[in-house]
């Protein structure tokens, strides 16, 4: 079976011109085995709404201290 890659992207909303990416994750799997994992939290450089924070699971404070300022 070929390797499969699953990609997940979390954003501050659904408007491509004003919202930002806050998290990228990728899993590489063959059959049922995890071969590799990539995960990065990204500072969106803007405040996010409480409703969005509840959906994505990150607070403004957590995003501000991410490594990608």
N, C-alpha and C. Protein backbone atom coordinates (compact mmCIF):
# COMPACT_ATOMS: atom_id res chain seq x y z
N UNK A 1 0.85 -1.19 0.00
CA UNK A 1 0.00 0.00 0.00
C UNK A 1 0.89 1.25 0.00
N UNK A 2 0.47 2.23 -0.74
CA UNK A 2 1.21 3.49 -0.80
C UNK A 2 1.08 4.26 0.50
N UNK A 3 2.09 5.09 0.77
CA UNK A 3 2.00 6.00 1.90
C UNK A 3 0.88 7.00 1.65
N UNK A 4 0.26 7.42 2.74
CA UNK A 4 -0.78 8.45 2.66
C UNK A 4 -0.40 9.59 3.58
N UNK A 5 -0.71 10.79 3.15
CA UNK A 5 -0.44 11.97 3.96
C UNK A 5 -1.76 12.66 4.25
N UNK A 6 -1.99 12.91 5.53
CA UNK A 6 -3.18 13.61 5.99
C UNK A 6 -2.75 14.98 6.46
N UNK A 7 -3.42 16.01 5.96
CA UNK A 7 -3.07 17.39 6.25
C UNK A 7 -4.22 18.08 6.98
N UNK A 8 -3.89 18.83 8.01
CA UNK A 8 -4.88 19.61 8.75
C UNK A 8 -4.38 21.04 8.89
N UNK A 9 -5.26 21.99 8.58
CA UNK A 9 -4.92 23.40 8.70
C UNK A 9 -6.01 24.08 9.50
N UNK A 10 -5.62 24.80 10.55
CA UNK A 10 -6.56 25.58 11.35
C UNK A 10 -6.33 27.06 11.05
N UNK A 11 -7.42 27.82 10.97
CA UNK A 11 -7.32 29.24 10.65
C UNK A 11 -8.13 30.08 11.64
N UNK A 12 -7.98 31.39 11.52
CA UNK A 12 -8.73 32.31 12.38
C UNK A 12 -10.14 32.56 11.86
N UNK A 13 -10.50 31.97 10.74
CA UNK A 13 -11.82 32.16 10.15
C UNK A 13 -11.85 31.58 8.75
N UNK A 14 -12.85 31.99 7.96
CA UNK A 14 -13.01 31.42 6.62
C UNK A 14 -12.77 32.41 5.48
N UNK A 15 -12.40 33.63 5.80
CA UNK A 15 -12.16 34.63 4.77
C UNK A 15 -10.68 34.62 4.38
N UNK A 16 -10.38 34.15 3.17
CA UNK A 16 -8.99 34.00 2.73
C UNK A 16 -8.23 35.33 2.65
N UNK A 17 -8.92 36.44 2.49
CA UNK A 17 -8.21 37.71 2.37
C UNK A 17 -7.92 38.38 3.71
N UNK A 18 -8.62 37.98 4.78
CA UNK A 18 -8.39 38.62 6.07
C UNK A 18 -7.98 37.67 7.19
N UNK A 19 -8.28 36.38 7.06
CA UNK A 19 -7.96 35.44 8.13
C UNK A 19 -6.60 34.80 7.91
N UNK A 20 -6.04 34.24 8.97
CA UNK A 20 -4.68 33.71 8.96
C UNK A 20 -4.65 32.25 9.38
N UNK A 21 -3.62 31.54 8.96
CA UNK A 21 -3.38 30.18 9.40
C UNK A 21 -2.76 30.22 10.79
N UNK A 22 -3.25 29.37 11.71
CA UNK A 22 -2.69 29.31 13.06
C UNK A 22 -2.07 27.95 13.39
N UNK A 23 -2.37 26.94 12.58
CA UNK A 23 -1.80 25.62 12.85
C UNK A 23 -1.78 24.79 11.58
N UNK A 24 -0.66 24.08 11.39
CA UNK A 24 -0.52 23.14 10.28
C UNK A 24 -0.05 21.82 10.87
N UNK A 25 -0.68 20.73 10.47
CA UNK A 25 -0.25 19.41 10.91
C UNK A 25 -0.34 18.45 9.73
N UNK A 26 0.60 17.51 9.68
CA UNK A 26 0.59 16.49 8.63
C UNK A 26 1.05 15.16 9.23
N UNK A 27 0.38 14.11 8.83
CA UNK A 27 0.73 12.75 9.24
C UNK A 27 1.04 11.95 7.99
N UNK A 28 2.13 11.20 8.02
CA UNK A 28 2.45 10.29 6.92
C UNK A 28 2.26 8.88 7.45
N UNK A 29 1.38 8.11 6.79
CA UNK A 29 0.99 6.80 7.27
C UNK A 29 1.12 5.77 6.16
N UNK A 30 1.64 4.58 6.50
CA UNK A 30 1.56 3.44 5.59
C UNK A 30 0.78 2.36 6.32
N UNK A 31 -0.19 1.81 5.64
CA UNK A 31 -1.13 0.87 6.26
C UNK A 31 -1.66 1.49 7.54
N UNK A 32 -1.29 0.95 8.70
CA UNK A 32 -1.76 1.50 9.97
C UNK A 32 -0.62 2.05 10.81
N UNK A 33 0.53 2.29 10.20
CA UNK A 33 1.70 2.74 10.95
C UNK A 33 2.01 4.20 10.66
N UNK A 34 2.21 4.96 11.71
CA UNK A 34 2.62 6.35 11.57
C UNK A 34 4.10 6.38 11.22
N UNK A 35 4.42 6.97 10.07
CA UNK A 35 5.82 7.05 9.63
C UNK A 35 6.46 8.38 10.02
N UNK A 36 5.69 9.46 9.95
CA UNK A 36 6.24 10.75 10.34
C UNK A 36 5.11 11.72 10.68
N UNK A 37 5.48 12.74 11.43
CA UNK A 37 4.51 13.73 11.90
C UNK A 37 5.14 15.11 11.82
N UNK A 38 4.37 16.06 11.32
CA UNK A 38 4.78 17.47 11.32
C UNK A 38 3.67 18.25 12.00
N UNK A 39 4.05 19.17 12.90
CA UNK A 39 3.06 20.00 13.60
C UNK A 39 3.68 21.35 13.90
N UNK A 40 2.99 22.42 13.52
CA UNK A 40 3.50 23.77 13.76
C UNK A 40 2.36 24.70 14.13
N UNK A 41 2.52 25.40 15.25
CA UNK A 41 1.58 26.46 15.64
C UNK A 41 2.17 27.78 15.14
N UNK A 42 1.32 28.63 14.59
CA UNK A 42 1.78 29.87 13.95
C UNK A 42 1.06 31.06 14.59
N UNK A 43 1.84 32.08 14.93
CA UNK A 43 1.28 33.31 15.47
C UNK A 43 0.57 34.06 14.33
N UNK A 44 -0.76 34.25 14.42
CA UNK A 44 -1.48 34.93 13.34
C UNK A 44 -1.28 36.44 13.33
N UNK A 45 -0.60 36.96 14.35
CA UNK A 45 -0.33 38.39 14.47
C UNK A 45 -1.59 39.23 14.49
N UNK A 46 -2.66 38.64 15.04
CA UNK A 46 -3.91 39.36 15.24
C UNK A 46 -4.70 38.63 16.32
N UNK A 47 -5.57 39.35 17.00
CA UNK A 47 -6.42 38.74 18.01
C UNK A 47 -7.47 37.87 17.32
N UNK A 48 -7.79 36.74 17.94
CA UNK A 48 -8.83 35.90 17.40
C UNK A 48 -10.06 35.95 18.30
N UNK A 49 -11.20 35.80 17.69
CA UNK A 49 -12.48 35.82 18.38
C UNK A 49 -12.59 34.63 19.34
N UNK A 50 -13.29 34.82 20.45
CA UNK A 50 -13.45 33.75 21.45
C UNK A 50 -14.10 32.51 20.84
N UNK A 51 -15.07 32.69 19.95
CA UNK A 51 -15.71 31.54 19.30
C UNK A 51 -14.71 30.74 18.48
N UNK A 52 -13.84 31.42 17.75
CA UNK A 52 -12.80 30.73 16.97
C UNK A 52 -11.83 30.04 17.91
N UNK A 53 -11.46 30.71 18.98
CA UNK A 53 -10.57 30.12 19.98
C UNK A 53 -11.14 28.81 20.53
N UNK A 54 -12.43 28.80 20.80
CA UNK A 54 -13.08 27.58 21.29
C UNK A 54 -13.05 26.46 20.26
N UNK A 55 -13.18 26.82 18.98
CA UNK A 55 -13.18 25.81 17.92
C UNK A 55 -11.79 25.22 17.72
N UNK A 56 -10.78 26.07 17.63
CA UNK A 56 -9.43 25.57 17.32
C UNK A 56 -8.67 25.11 18.56
N UNK A 57 -9.12 25.52 19.74
CA UNK A 57 -8.49 25.03 20.97
C UNK A 57 -7.26 25.78 21.42
N UNK A 58 -7.01 26.96 20.85
CA UNK A 58 -5.88 27.78 21.26
C UNK A 58 -6.37 29.16 21.67
N UNK A 59 -5.79 29.68 22.73
CA UNK A 59 -6.12 31.04 23.17
C UNK A 59 -5.21 32.04 22.45
N UNK A 60 -5.57 33.32 22.52
CA UNK A 60 -4.71 34.36 21.95
C UNK A 60 -3.33 34.33 22.59
N UNK A 61 -3.27 34.07 23.89
CA UNK A 61 -1.99 34.04 24.60
C UNK A 61 -1.11 32.90 24.08
N UNK A 62 -1.70 31.73 23.86
CA UNK A 62 -0.93 30.59 23.36
C UNK A 62 -0.38 30.86 21.96
N UNK A 63 -1.18 31.50 21.13
CA UNK A 63 -0.73 31.79 19.76
C UNK A 63 0.35 32.86 19.75
N UNK A 64 0.27 33.82 20.66
CA UNK A 64 1.27 34.89 20.70
C UNK A 64 2.64 34.39 21.07
N UNK A 65 2.72 33.32 21.86
CA UNK A 65 4.03 32.83 22.28
C UNK A 65 4.59 31.74 21.36
N UNK A 66 3.88 31.46 20.26
CA UNK A 66 4.39 30.45 19.33
C UNK A 66 5.72 30.94 18.74
N UNK A 67 6.51 30.03 18.24
CA UNK A 67 7.86 30.34 17.75
C UNK A 67 7.88 31.16 16.47
N UNK A 68 6.80 31.11 15.67
CA UNK A 68 6.78 31.81 14.39
C UNK A 68 6.15 33.18 14.53
N UNK A 69 6.88 34.13 15.07
CA UNK A 69 6.37 35.51 15.21
C UNK A 69 6.56 36.27 13.94
